[in-house]
Amino acid sequence: MGVTRLKRKDRRNKTVSRVEVQFLKLGRNIETGSRSQMSKKSQIVKNNEVLNSLVADAK
């Protein structure tokens, strides 16, 4: 049996499901109290640092 290419709809579903899984994995770390478990290199941590500095500058 030959190798068949995925149709466009199936390729889209594959990438969307992969992105959703990645989003859900990141979302688990956002809960309050669990930020210490988050990686220091995480984009969410970097964003929080920038937001906190902006809030501090605004005061």
Protein backbone atom coordinates (compact mmCIF):
# COMPACT_ATOMS: atom_id res chain seq x y z
CA MET A 1 0.00 0.00 0.00
CA GLY A 2 1.38 3.38 -0.96
CA VAL A 3 1.88 6.35 1.32
CA THR A 4 -0.94 8.86 0.96
CA ARG A 5 -0.76 12.53 1.72
CA LEU A 6 -3.12 13.93 4.27
CA LYS A 7 -5.88 16.06 2.86
CA ARG A 8 -5.82 19.71 3.78
CA LYS A 9 -8.55 19.32 6.41
CA ASP A 10 -6.68 16.48 8.11
CA ARG A 11 -3.38 18.37 8.06
CA ARG A 12 -5.12 21.34 9.68
CA ASN A 13 -6.71 19.14 12.34
CA LYS A 14 -3.32 17.61 13.11
CA THR A 15 -1.64 20.98 13.63
CA VAL A 16 -4.59 22.48 15.53
CA SER A 17 -4.72 19.55 17.94
CA ARG A 18 -0.95 19.78 18.53
CA VAL A 19 -1.23 23.50 19.29
CA GLU A 20 -4.20 22.89 21.62
CA VAL A 21 -2.24 20.30 23.59
CA GLN A 22 0.67 22.72 23.91
CA PHE A 23 -1.69 25.47 25.09
CA LEU A 24 -3.25 23.19 27.69
CA LYS A 25 0.17 22.17 29.00
CA LEU A 26 1.13 25.83 29.43
CA GLY A 27 -2.25 26.64 30.98
CA ARG A 28 -1.76 24.22 33.83
CA ASN A 29 1.14 26.26 35.18
CA ILE A 30 -0.82 29.52 35.25
CA GLU A 31 -2.89 28.53 38.29
CA THR A 32 -2.23 30.63 41.38
CA GLY A 33 0.43 29.30 43.69
CA SER A 34 2.18 27.16 41.12
CA ARG A 35 4.32 29.84 39.47
CA SER A 36 7.40 28.60 41.29
CA GLN A 37 7.14 25.40 39.22
CA MET A 38 7.24 27.32 35.95
CA SER A 39 10.50 27.48 34.04
CA LYS A 40 12.46 30.73 34.35
CA LYS A 41 12.85 30.78 30.56
CA SER A 42 9.09 30.48 30.00
CA GLN A 43 7.55 33.23 27.89
CA ILE A 44 4.77 33.62 30.47
CA VAL A 45 7.32 34.38 33.19
CA LYS A 46 9.05 36.90 30.95
CA ASN A 47 5.73 38.57 30.15
CA ASN A 48 4.82 38.76 33.84
CA GLU A 49 8.16 40.43 34.63
CA VAL A 50 7.60 43.06 31.94
CA LEU A 51 4.04 43.71 33.11
CA ASN A 52 5.14 44.00 36.73
CA SER A 53 7.86 46.50 35.81
CA LEU A 54 5.35 48.57 33.81
CA VAL A 55 2.94 48.62 36.74
CA ALA A 56 5.74 49.66 39.08
CA ASP A 57 6.78 52.47 36.74
CA ALA A 58 3.20 53.72 36.46
CA LYS A 59 2.86 54.14 40.23
